């Protein structure tokens, strides 16, 4: 494994669809206002001086809140598959959009794995740290064993950890390989791995790349693109959990999780067949 963070070839110009059916501007603005209000409410709870308040939030409340955030921006949510098991659990999914984060939490509230740069983001770093985000220094391989060890301790304590093992956001029509390091924590802790497949569609049609947050895209541009789109649906498929002890090493476990989230043949490519050009910075929130 190299010291460079994984970088996807997806770019806004080559991959991201502009919404064909658009919501009226006042509706899009209202959607963003509601999302902002929900996020402020969530941050106020995270920053509450009472740890008891934060820890006593029922999982169902957190799941519903995360669904509300996605629904407020105008995206319908459809969840299929079995419920995620209780206890220590590693949730993994392909990474397409910032929407992936609340969608994973809607499956099972978890501590997210995120790049260390987020800790320094104004207005976001503090709440993220208080919310229990696990940070990884992507440029320092020497820090990787410590991150894996911290994840394993959280998993052994019976909590869930969520990560995007591609290490970079892709557009949703192509995807990258699952990197293996994150799976070592599940092996060390002896907990199951829960693969989750997230797809974005416009109505019942083919996969939509409108929600993708890739390359040089900005968060503001992505937020507006999603809020101004009509008919977007997030399909969240909870695949069967991979039980501990069935895979001998992290390579086999990563490959099994990756196979679980592969879709139909037309969605299986990880190449540049649909017109990727060049490379651009990753927008990944969670890596390994």
C-alpha atoms as a PDB file:
ATOM      1  CA  UNK A   1       0.000   0.000   0.000  1.00  0.00           C
ATOM      2  CA  UNK A   2       1.455   3.377  -1.010  1.00  0.00           C
ATOM      3  CA  UNK A   3       1.550   6.476   1.128  1.00  0.00           C
ATOM      4  CA  UNK A   4      -0.686   8.369  -1.268  1.00  0.00           C
ATOM      5  CA  UNK A   5      -4.433   8.532  -0.557  1.00  0.00           C
ATOM      6  CA  UNK A   6      -6.579   6.712  -3.124  1.00  0.00           C
ATOM      7  CA  UNK A   7      -7.826   9.014  -5.889  1.00  0.00           C
ATOM      8  CA  UNK A   8     -10.784   8.254  -8.137  1.00  0.00           C
ATOM      9  CA  UNK A   9     -10.725   9.346 -11.795  1.00  0.00           C
ATOM     10  CA  UNK A  10     -14.286  10.712 -11.639  1.00  0.00           C
ATOM     11  CA  UNK A  11     -14.766  14.422 -12.336  1.00  0.00           C
ATOM     12  CA  UNK A  12     -17.866  16.646 -12.406  1.00  0.00           C
ATOM     13  CA  UNK A  13     -17.411  17.428 -16.104  1.00  0.00           C
ATOM     14  CA  UNK A  14     -17.014  13.802 -17.204  1.00  0.00           C
ATOM     15  CA  UNK A  15     -19.371  12.037 -14.836  1.00  0.00           C
ATOM     16  CA  UNK A  16     -21.938  14.172 -13.038  1.00  0.00           C
ATOM     17  CA  UNK A  17     -25.370  14.540 -14.619  1.00  0.00           C
ATOM     18  CA  UNK A  18     -27.200  17.828 -14.324  1.00  0.00           C
ATOM     19  CA  UNK A  19     -30.798  17.272 -13.254  1.00  0.00           C
ATOM     20  CA  UNK A  20     -33.137  17.042 -16.238  1.00  0.00           C
ATOM     21  CA  UNK A  21     -36.223  17.770 -14.151  1.00  0.00           C
ATOM     22  CA  UNK A  22     -35.587  20.658 -11.794  1.00  0.00           C
ATOM     23  CA  UNK A  23     -37.498  21.890  -8.790  1.00  0.00           C
ATOM     24  CA  UNK A  24     -38.494  25.545  -8.684  1.00  0.00           C
ATOM     25  CA  UNK A  25     -35.878  27.796  -7.133  1.00  0.00           C
ATOM     26  CA  UNK A  26     -38.017  28.682  -4.069  1.00  0.00           C
ATOM     27  CA  UNK A  27     -38.541  24.958  -3.383  1.00  0.00           C
ATOM     28  CA  UNK A  28     -34.803  24.249  -3.660  1.00  0.00           C
ATOM     29  CA  UNK A  29     -34.024  27.139  -1.305  1.00  0.00           C
ATOM     30  CA  UNK A  30     -36.639  25.882   1.160  1.00  0.00           C
ATOM     31  CA  UNK A  31     -35.108  22.404   1.044  1.00  0.00           C
ATOM     32  CA  UNK A  32     -31.676  23.772   1.899  1.00  0.00           C
ATOM     33  CA  UNK A  33     -33.132  25.869   4.709  1.00  0.00           C
ATOM     34  CA  UNK A  34     -34.791  22.814   6.254  1.00  0.00           C
ATOM     35  CA  UNK A  35     -31.571  20.798   5.947  1.00  0.00           C
ATOM     36  CA  UNK A  36     -29.642  23.614   7.634  1.00  0.00           C
ATOM     37  CA  UNK A  37     -32.172  23.704  10.488  1.00  0.00           C
ATOM     38  CA  UNK A  38     -31.926  19.940  10.969  1.00  0.00           C
ATOM     39  CA  UNK A  39     -28.134  20.039  10.963  1.00  0.00           C
ATOM     40  CA  UNK A  40     -28.083  22.878  13.476  1.00  0.00           C
ATOM     41  CA  UNK A  41     -30.431  20.902  15.717  1.00  0.00           C
ATOM     42  CA  UNK A  42     -28.160  17.863  15.449  1.00  0.00           C
ATOM     43  CA  UNK A  43     -25.046  19.913  16.194  1.00  0.00           C
ATOM     44  CA  UNK A  44     -26.718  21.442  19.253  1.00  0.00           C
ATOM     45  CA  UNK A  45     -27.299  17.950  20.639  1.00  0.00           C
ATOM     46  CA  UNK A  46     -23.721  16.878  19.846  1.00  0.00           C
ATOM     47  CA  UNK A  47     -22.342  19.979  21.565  1.00  0.00           C
ATOM     48  CA  UNK A  48     -24.660  19.676  24.565  1.00  0.00           C
ATOM     49  CA  UNK A  49     -22.672  19.816  27.814  1.00  0.00           C
ATOM     50  CA  UNK A  50     -24.420  16.699  29.096  1.00  0.00           C
ATOM     51  CA  UNK A  51     -22.856  13.472  27.809  1.00  0.00           C
ATOM     52  CA  UNK A  52     -25.894  11.690  29.192  1.00  0.00           C
ATOM     53  CA  UNK A  53     -28.114  13.535  26.697  1.00  0.00           C
ATOM     54  CA  UNK A  54     -25.955  12.454  23.759  1.00  0.00           C
ATOM     55  CA  UNK A  55     -25.617   8.835  24.864  1.00  0.00           C
ATOM     56  CA  UNK A  56     -29.268   8.283  25.671  1.00  0.00           C
ATOM     57  CA  UNK A  57     -30.561   9.083  22.191  1.00  0.00           C
ATOM     58  CA  UNK A  58     -32.332   5.911  21.031  1.00  0.00           C
ATOM     59  CA  UNK A  59     -30.976   4.360  17.847  1.00  0.00           C
ATOM     60  CA  UNK A  60     -34.407   4.688  16.221  1.00  0.00           C
ATOM     61  CA  UNK A  61     -34.347   8.449  16.805  1.00  0.00           C
ATOM     62  CA  UNK A  62     -30.920   8.732  15.160  1.00  0.00           C
ATOM     63  CA  UNK A  63     -32.080   6.609  12.207  1.00  0.00           C
ATOM     64  CA  UNK A  64     -35.180   8.744  11.696  1.00  0.00           C
ATOM     65  CA  UNK A  65     -33.209  11.969  12.020  1.00  0.00           C
ATOM     66  CA  UNK A  66     -30.753  10.827   9.330  1.00  0.00           C
ATOM     67  CA  UNK A  67     -33.618   9.893   7.018  1.00  0.00           C
ATOM     68  CA  UNK A  68     -35.160  13.329   7.603  1.00  0.00           C
ATOM     69  CA  UNK A  69     -31.896  15.015   6.558  1.00  0.00           C
ATOM     70  CA  UNK A  70     -31.836  13.100   3.270  1.00  0.00           C
ATOM     71  CA  UNK A  71     -35.568  13.521   2.691  1.00  0.00           C
ATOM     72  CA  UNK A  72     -35.394  17.244   3.461  1.00  0.00           C
ATOM     73  CA  UNK A  73     -33.017  17.829   0.552  1.00  0.00           C
ATOM     74  CA  UNK A  74     -35.581  16.239  -1.761  1.00  0.00           C
ATOM     75  CA  UNK A  75     -34.273  12.673  -1.995  1.00  0.00           C
ATOM     76  CA  UNK A  76     -36.609   9.753  -1.299  1.00  0.00           C
ATOM     77  CA  UNK A  77     -35.134   6.898   0.736  1.00  0.00           C
ATOM     78  CA  UNK A  78     -35.844   3.238   0.071  1.00  0.00           C
ATOM     79  CA  UNK A  79     -34.216   0.699   2.409  1.00  0.00           C
ATOM     80  CA  UNK A  80     -34.306  -3.041   1.654  1.00  0.00           C
ATOM     81  CA  UNK A  81     -32.701  -6.099   3.205  1.00  0.00           C
ATOM     82  CA  UNK A  82     -32.392  -7.373   6.739  1.00  0.00           C
ATOM     83  CA  UNK A  83     -31.803  -5.184   9.772  1.00  0.00           C
ATOM     84  CA  UNK A  84     -28.168  -4.718  10.741  1.00  0.00           C
ATOM     85  CA  UNK A  85     -27.147  -6.878  13.730  1.00  0.00           C
ATOM     86  CA  UNK A  86     -26.582  -5.403  17.167  1.00  0.00           C
ATOM     87  CA  UNK A  87     -23.217  -5.331  18.928  1.00  0.00           C
ATOM     88  CA  UNK A  88     -19.845  -4.601  17.398  1.00  0.00           C
ATOM     89  CA  UNK A  89     -20.229  -4.168  13.641  1.00  0.00           C
ATOM     90  CA  UNK A  90     -18.203  -2.756  10.759  1.00  0.00           C
ATOM     91  CA  UNK A  91     -20.422  -1.138   8.108  1.00  0.00           C
ATOM     92  CA  UNK A  92     -18.868  -0.678   4.666  1.00  0.00           C
ATOM     93  CA  UNK A  93     -20.249   0.795   1.453  1.00  0.00           C
ATOM     94  CA  UNK A  94     -19.107   2.256  -1.861  1.00  0.00           C
ATOM     95  CA  UNK A  95     -18.679   6.027  -1.655  1.00  0.00           C
ATOM     96  CA  UNK A  96     -20.553   8.341  -4.035  1.00  0.00           C
ATOM     97  CA  UNK A  97     -21.907  11.336  -2.149  1.00  0.00           C
ATOM     98  CA  UNK A  98     -22.045  13.207   1.136  1.00  0.00           C
ATOM     99  CA  UNK A  99     -25.538  11.705   1.324  1.00  0.00           C
ATOM    100  CA  UNK A 100     -23.918   8.313   1.955  1.00  0.00           C
ATOM    101  CA  UNK A 101     -23.086   9.339   5.517  1.00  0.00           C
ATOM    102  CA  UNK A 102     -26.627   9.920   6.851  1.00  0.00           C
ATOM    103  CA  UNK A 103     -27.853   6.967   4.761  1.00  0.00           C
ATOM    104  CA  UNK A 104     -25.415   4.599   6.492  1.00  0.00           C
ATOM    105  CA  UNK A 105     -26.432   6.011   9.867  1.00  0.00           C
ATOM    106  CA  UNK A 106     -30.056   5.356   8.922  1.00  0.00           C
ATOM    107  CA  UNK A 107     -29.122   1.666   8.663  1.00  0.00           C
ATOM    108  CA  UNK A 108     -27.240   1.582  11.969  1.00  0.00           C
ATOM    109  CA  UNK A 109     -25.909   4.555  13.947  1.00  0.00           C
ATOM    110  CA  UNK A 110     -22.136   4.261  13.928  1.00  0.00           C
ATOM    111  CA  UNK A 111     -18.901   6.105  14.542  1.00  0.00           C
ATOM    112  CA  UNK A 112     -17.609   7.307  11.189  1.00  0.00           C
ATOM    113  CA  UNK A 113     -14.053   6.923   9.947  1.00  0.00           C
ATOM    114  CA  UNK A 114     -12.915  10.226   8.394  1.00  0.00           C
ATOM    115  CA  UNK A 115      -9.799  11.884   7.050  1.00  0.00           C
ATOM    116  CA  UNK A 116      -7.958  13.959   9.642  1.00  0.00           C
ATOM    117  CA  UNK A 117      -8.349  17.163   7.602  1.00  0.00           C
ATOM    118  CA  UNK A 118     -11.996  17.334   8.661  1.00  0.00           C
ATOM    119  CA  UNK A 119     -10.890  17.947  12.240  1.00  0.00           C
ATOM    120  CA  UNK A 120      -9.585  21.352  11.048  1.00  0.00           C
ATOM    121  CA  UNK A 121     -12.701  22.358   9.077  1.00  0.00           C
ATOM    122  CA  UNK A 122     -14.308  25.500  10.591  1.00  0.00           C
ATOM    123  CA  UNK A 123     -17.684  24.712  12.076  1.00  0.00           C
ATOM    124  CA  UNK A 124     -17.385  20.982  11.351  1.00  0.00           C
ATOM    125  CA  UNK A 125     -14.226  19.721  13.030  1.00  0.00           C
ATOM    126  CA  UNK A 126     -15.361  20.293  16.603  1.00  0.00           C
ATOM    127  CA  UNK A 127     -18.821  18.724  16.234  1.00  0.00           C
ATOM    128  CA  UNK A 128     -17.327  15.793  14.297  1.00  0.00           C
ATOM    129  CA  UNK A 129     -14.849  15.075  17.079  1.00  0.00           C
ATOM    130  CA  UNK A 130     -17.553  15.419  19.750  1.00  0.00           C
ATOM    131  CA  UNK A 131     -19.774  13.043  17.759  1.00  0.00           C
ATOM    132  CA  UNK A 132     -17.128  10.335  18.032  1.00  0.00           C
ATOM    133  CA  UNK A 133     -15.666  10.441  14.518  1.00  0.00           C
ATOM    134  CA  UNK A 134     -12.479   8.376  14.193  1.00  0.00           C
ATOM    135  CA  UNK A 135      -9.849  10.297  12.250  1.00  0.00           C
ATOM    136  CA  UNK A 136      -7.143   8.840  10.024  1.00  0.00           C
ATOM    137  CA  UNK A 137      -4.021  10.578   8.773  1.00  0.00           C
ATOM    138  CA  UNK A 138      -4.047   9.395   5.177  1.00  0.00           C
ATOM    139  CA  UNK A 139      -0.542  10.621   4.371  1.00  0.00           C
ATOM    140  CA  UNK A 140       1.113   8.787   7.277  1.00  0.00           C
ATOM    141  CA  UNK A 141       1.325   5.029   6.930  1.00  0.00           C
ATOM    142  CA  UNK A 142       2.905   4.831  10.369  1.00  0.00           C
ATOM    143  CA  UNK A 143      -0.359   6.089  11.853  1.00  0.00           C
ATOM    144  CA  UNK A 144      -2.396   3.321  10.194  1.00  0.00           C
ATOM    145  CA  UNK A 145      -1.848   0.596  12.849  1.00  0.00           C
ATOM    146  CA  UNK A 146      -2.957   3.032  15.539  1.00  0.00           C
ATOM    147  CA  UNK A 147      -6.143   3.849  13.627  1.00  0.00           C
ATOM    148  CA  UNK A 148      -6.894   0.160  13.075  1.00  0.00           C
ATOM    149  CA  UNK A 149      -6.263  -0.480  16.771  1.00  0.00           C
ATOM    150  CA  UNK A 150      -8.633   2.341  17.785  1.00  0.00           C
ATOM    151  CA  UNK A 151     -11.316   0.944  15.482  1.00  0.00           C
ATOM    152  CA  UNK A 152     -10.880  -2.543  16.934  1.00  0.00           C
ATOM    153  CA  UNK A 153     -11.296  -1.205  20.482  1.00  0.00           C
ATOM    154  CA  UNK A 154     -14.535   0.533  19.531  1.00  0.00           C
ATOM    155  CA  UNK A 155     -15.816  -2.626  17.839  1.00  0.00           C
ATOM    156  CA  UNK A 156     -14.893  -4.826  20.823  1.00  0.00           C
ATOM    157  CA  UNK A 157     -16.842  -2.447  23.062  1.00  0.00           C
ATOM    158  CA  UNK A 158     -19.988  -3.313  21.092  1.00  0.00           C
ATOM    159  CA  UNK A 159     -20.285  -0.173  18.952  1.00  0.00           C
ATOM    160  CA  UNK A 160     -20.554   0.108  15.179  1.00  0.00           C
ATOM    161  CA  UNK A 161     -17.982   1.767  12.926  1.00  0.00           C
ATOM    162  CA  UNK A 162     -18.801   2.945   9.386  1.00  0.00           C
ATOM    163  CA  UNK A 163     -16.208   3.325   6.634  1.00  0.00           C
ATOM    164  CA  UNK A 164     -15.929   3.688   2.868  1.00  0.00           C
ATOM    165  CA  UNK A 165     -13.101   1.316   1.906  1.00  0.00           C
ATOM    166  CA  UNK A 166     -12.662   2.696  -1.623  1.00  0.00           C
ATOM    167  CA  UNK A 167     -10.957   5.639   0.039  1.00  0.00           C
ATOM    168  CA  UNK A 168     -12.397   8.078  -2.500  1.00  0.00           C
ATOM    169  CA  UNK A 169     -15.736   9.142  -3.922  1.00  0.00           C
ATOM    170  CA  UNK A 170     -16.741   7.675  -7.280  1.00  0.00           C
ATOM    171  CA  UNK A 171     -19.627   8.705  -9.516  1.00  0.00           C
ATOM    172  CA  UNK A 172     -21.838   5.649  -8.891  1.00  0.00           C
ATOM    173  CA  UNK A 173     -21.552   4.144 -12.365  1.00  0.00           C
ATOM    174  CA  UNK A 174     -17.983   3.060 -11.783  1.00  0.00           C
ATOM    175  CA  UNK A 175     -16.381   2.180  -8.474  1.00  0.00           C
ATOM    176  CA  UNK A 176     -12.991   1.470  -6.992  1.00  0.00           C
ATOM    177  CA  UNK A 177     -11.592  -1.574  -5.203  1.00  0.00           C
ATOM    178  CA  UNK A 178     -12.075  -1.988  -1.473  1.00  0.00           C
ATOM    179  CA  UNK A 179      -8.814  -1.344   0.342  1.00  0.00           C
ATOM    180  CA  UNK A 180      -8.046  -3.970   2.930  1.00  0.00           C
ATOM    181  CA  UNK A 181      -6.745  -2.163   6.018  1.00  0.00           C
ATOM    182  CA  UNK A 182     -10.164  -1.253   7.420  1.00  0.00           C
ATOM    183  CA  UNK A 183     -11.154  -4.931   7.473  1.00  0.00           C
ATOM    184  CA  UNK A 184      -8.257  -5.803   9.778  1.00  0.00           C
ATOM    185  CA  UNK A 185     -10.091  -4.035  12.612  1.00  0.00           C
ATOM    186  CA  UNK A 186     -13.098  -6.344  12.172  1.00  0.00           C
ATOM    187  CA  UNK A 187     -10.819  -9.400  12.137  1.00  0.00           C
ATOM    188  CA  UNK A 188      -8.968  -8.256  15.263  1.00  0.00           C
ATOM    189  CA  UNK A 189     -12.227  -7.518  17.101  1.00  0.00           C
ATOM    190  CA  UNK A 190     -13.990 -10.678  15.905  1.00  0.00           C
ATOM    191  CA  UNK A 191     -17.084  -8.813  14.719  1.00  0.00           C
ATOM    192  CA  UNK A 192     -19.223  -9.140  11.571  1.00  0.00           C
ATOM    193  CA  UNK A 193     -18.919  -6.908   8.533  1.00  0.00           C
ATOM    194  CA  UNK A 194     -22.120  -5.373   7.160  1.00  0.00           C
ATOM    195  CA  UNK A 195     -21.891  -4.519   3.441  1.00  0.00           C
ATOM    196  CA  UNK A 196     -24.369  -1.856   2.330  1.00  0.00           C
ATOM    197  CA  UNK A 197     -25.073  -0.949  -1.288  1.00  0.00           C
ATOM    198  CA  UNK A 198     -26.214   2.611  -1.985  1.00  0.00           C
ATOM    199  CA  UNK A 199     -27.556   3.604  -5.398  1.00  0.00           C
ATOM    200  CA  UNK A 200     -29.086   6.855  -6.563  1.00  0.00           C
ATOM    201  CA  UNK A 201     -31.780   6.808  -9.221  1.00  0.00           C
ATOM    202  CA  UNK A 202     -34.048   9.272 -10.978  1.00  0.00           C
ATOM    203  CA  UNK A 203     -37.437   7.625 -10.625  1.00  0.00           C
ATOM    204  CA  UNK A 204     -37.173   4.000 -11.725  1.00  0.00           C
ATOM    205  CA  UNK A 205     -34.577   4.717 -14.385  1.00  0.00           C
ATOM    206  CA  UNK A 206     -30.859   3.972 -14.538  1.00  0.00           C
ATOM    207  CA  UNK A 207     -28.380   4.986 -11.868  1.00  0.00           C
ATOM    208  CA  UNK A 208     -28.120   8.768 -11.499  1.00  0.00           C
ATOM    209  CA  UNK A 209     -24.815  10.534 -10.920  1.00  0.00           C
ATOM    210  CA  UNK A 210     -26.479  13.820  -9.941  1.00  0.00           C
ATOM    211  CA  UNK A 211     -25.743  13.295  -6.194  1.00  0.00           C
ATOM    212  CA  UNK A 212     -22.085  12.382  -6.831  1.00  0.00           C
ATOM    213  CA  UNK A 213     -19.539  14.562  -5.009  1.00  0.00           C
ATOM    214  CA  UNK A 214     -16.324  14.012  -6.961  1.00  0.00           C
ATOM    215  CA  UNK A 215     -13.165  15.687  -8.154  1.00  0.00           C
ATOM    216  CA  UNK A 216     -13.127  19.469  -8.047  1.00  0.00           C
ATOM    217  CA  UNK A 217     -16.811  19.663  -7.140  1.00  0.00           C
ATOM    218  CA  UNK A 218     -17.620  21.956  -4.226  1.00  0.00           C
ATOM    219  CA  UNK A 219     -19.990  21.071  -1.421  1.00  0.00           C
ATOM    220  CA  UNK A 220     -22.141  24.122  -2.163  1.00  0.00           C
ATOM    221  CA  UNK A 221     -22.477  23.166  -5.846  1.00  0.00           C
ATOM    222  CA  UNK A 222     -23.326  19.582  -4.925  1.00  0.00           C
ATOM    223  CA  UNK A 223     -25.901  20.673  -2.344  1.00  0.00           C
ATOM    224  CA  UNK A 224     -27.620  22.947  -4.855  1.00  0.00           C
ATOM    225  CA  UNK A 225     -27.577  20.276  -7.591  1.00  0.00           C
ATOM    226  CA  UNK A 226     -29.296  17.772  -5.310  1.00  0.00           C
ATOM    227  CA  UNK A 227     -31.754  20.258  -3.785  1.00  0.00           C
ATOM    228  CA  UNK A 228     -32.804  21.523  -7.219  1.00  0.00           C
ATOM    229  CA  UNK A 229     -33.316  18.041  -8.702  1.00  0.00           C
ATOM    230  CA  UNK A 230     -36.699  16.315  -8.919  1.00  0.00           C
ATOM    231  CA  UNK A 231     -37.414  12.614  -8.520  1.00  0.00           C
ATOM    232  CA  UNK A 232     -34.157  11.471  -6.913  1.00  0.00           C
ATOM    233  CA  UNK A 233     -34.314   8.245  -4.888  1.00  0.00           C
ATOM    234  CA  UNK A 234     -31.621   6.720  -2.689  1.00  0.00           C
ATOM    235  CA  UNK A 235     -31.828   2.934  -2.705  1.00  0.00           C
ATOM    236  CA  UNK A 236     -30.111   1.426   0.329  1.00  0.00           C
ATOM    237  CA  UNK A 237     -29.680  -2.336   0.183  1.00  0.00           C
ATOM    238  CA  UNK A 238     -28.526  -3.983   3.413  1.00  0.00           C
ATOM    239  CA  UNK A 239     -26.664  -7.093   2.260  1.00  0.00           C
ATOM    240  CA  UNK A 240     -26.274 -10.192   4.453  1.00  0.00           C
ATOM    241  CA  UNK A 241     -23.663  -9.635   7.151  1.00  0.00           C
ATOM    242  CA  UNK A 242     -20.328 -11.430   6.818  1.00  0.00           C
ATOM    243  CA  UNK A 243     -19.927 -13.455  10.009  1.00  0.00           C
ATOM    244  CA  UNK A 244     -16.582 -13.411  11.835  1.00  0.00           C
ATOM    245  CA  UNK A 245     -14.307 -16.403  11.351  1.00  0.00           C
ATOM    246  CA  UNK A 246     -15.423 -17.213   7.800  1.00  0.00           C
ATOM    247  CA  UNK A 247     -12.561 -15.392   6.091  1.00  0.00           C
ATOM    248  CA  UNK A 248      -8.955 -16.086   6.965  1.00  0.00           C
ATOM    249  CA  UNK A 249      -7.445 -12.681   6.234  1.00  0.00           C
ATOM    250  CA  UNK A 250      -8.340  -9.111   5.415  1.00  0.00           C
ATOM    251  CA  UNK A 251      -7.837  -9.601   1.677  1.00  0.00           C
ATOM    252  CA  UNK A 252     -10.466 -12.350   1.554  1.00  0.00           C
ATOM    253  CA  UNK A 253     -12.816 -10.350   3.785  1.00  0.00           C
ATOM    254  CA  UNK A 254     -12.456  -7.205   1.638  1.00  0.00           C
ATOM    255  CA  UNK A 255     -13.114  -9.198  -1.545  1.00  0.00           C
ATOM    256  CA  UNK A 256     -16.208 -10.817  -0.015  1.00  0.00           C
ATOM    257  CA  UNK A 257     -17.583  -7.413   1.035  1.00  0.00           C
ATOM    258  CA  UNK A 258     -16.869  -5.965  -2.395  1.00  0.00           C
ATOM    259  CA  UNK A 259     -18.656  -8.855  -4.137  1.00  0.00           C
ATOM    260  CA  UNK A 260     -21.652  -8.316  -1.869  1.00  0.00           C
ATOM    261  CA  UNK A 261     -22.177  -4.721  -3.009  1.00  0.00           C
ATOM    262  CA  UNK A 262     -21.686  -5.334  -6.735  1.00  0.00           C
ATOM    263  CA  UNK A 263     -24.862  -4.820  -8.698  1.00  0.00           C
ATOM    264  CA  UNK A 264     -26.050  -6.061 -12.081  1.00  0.00           C
ATOM    265  CA  UNK A 265     -23.516  -6.582 -14.848  1.00  0.00           C
ATOM    266  CA  UNK A 266     -23.922  -3.051 -16.202  1.00  0.00           C
ATOM    267  CA  UNK A 267     -22.974  -1.619 -12.805  1.00  0.00           C
ATOM    268  CA  UNK A 268     -19.947  -3.822 -12.175  1.00  0.00           C
ATOM    269  CA  UNK A 269     -17.300  -1.820 -14.016  1.00  0.00           C
ATOM    270  CA  UNK A 270     -14.509  -0.147 -12.099  1.00  0.00           C
ATOM    271  CA  UNK A 271     -12.918   1.173 -15.288  1.00  0.00           C
ATOM    272  CA  UNK A 272     -13.241   4.428 -17.208  1.00  0.00           C
ATOM    273  CA  UNK A 273     -15.601   3.013 -19.819  1.00  0.00           C
ATOM    274  CA  UNK A 274     -18.172   5.804 -19.511  1.00  0.00           C
ATOM    275  CA  UNK A 275     -15.776   8.649 -20.201  1.00  0.00           C
ATOM    276  CA  UNK A 276     -13.573   9.418 -17.195  1.00  0.00           C
ATOM    277  CA  UNK A 277     -10.715  11.732 -18.046  1.00  0.00           C
ATOM    278  CA  UNK A 278      -7.699  12.330 -15.869  1.00  0.00           C
ATOM    279  CA  UNK A 279      -7.603  12.361 -12.084  1.00  0.00           C
ATOM    280  CA  UNK A 280      -8.907  14.803  -9.531  1.00  0.00           C
ATOM    281  CA  UNK A 281      -8.774  15.255  -5.768  1.00  0.00           C
ATOM    282  CA  UNK A 282     -10.885  12.924  -3.678  1.00  0.00           C
ATOM    283  CA  UNK A 283     -13.911  14.157  -1.734  1.00  0.00           C
ATOM    284  CA  UNK A 284     -13.797  11.140   0.551  1.00  0.00           C
ATOM    285  CA  UNK A 285     -15.034  11.627   4.064  1.00  0.00           C
ATOM    286  CA  UNK A 286     -13.986   8.165   5.230  1.00  0.00           C
ATOM    287  CA  UNK A 287     -11.022   6.237   4.006  1.00  0.00           C
ATOM    288  CA  UNK A 288      -8.844   3.137   4.507  1.00  0.00           C
END
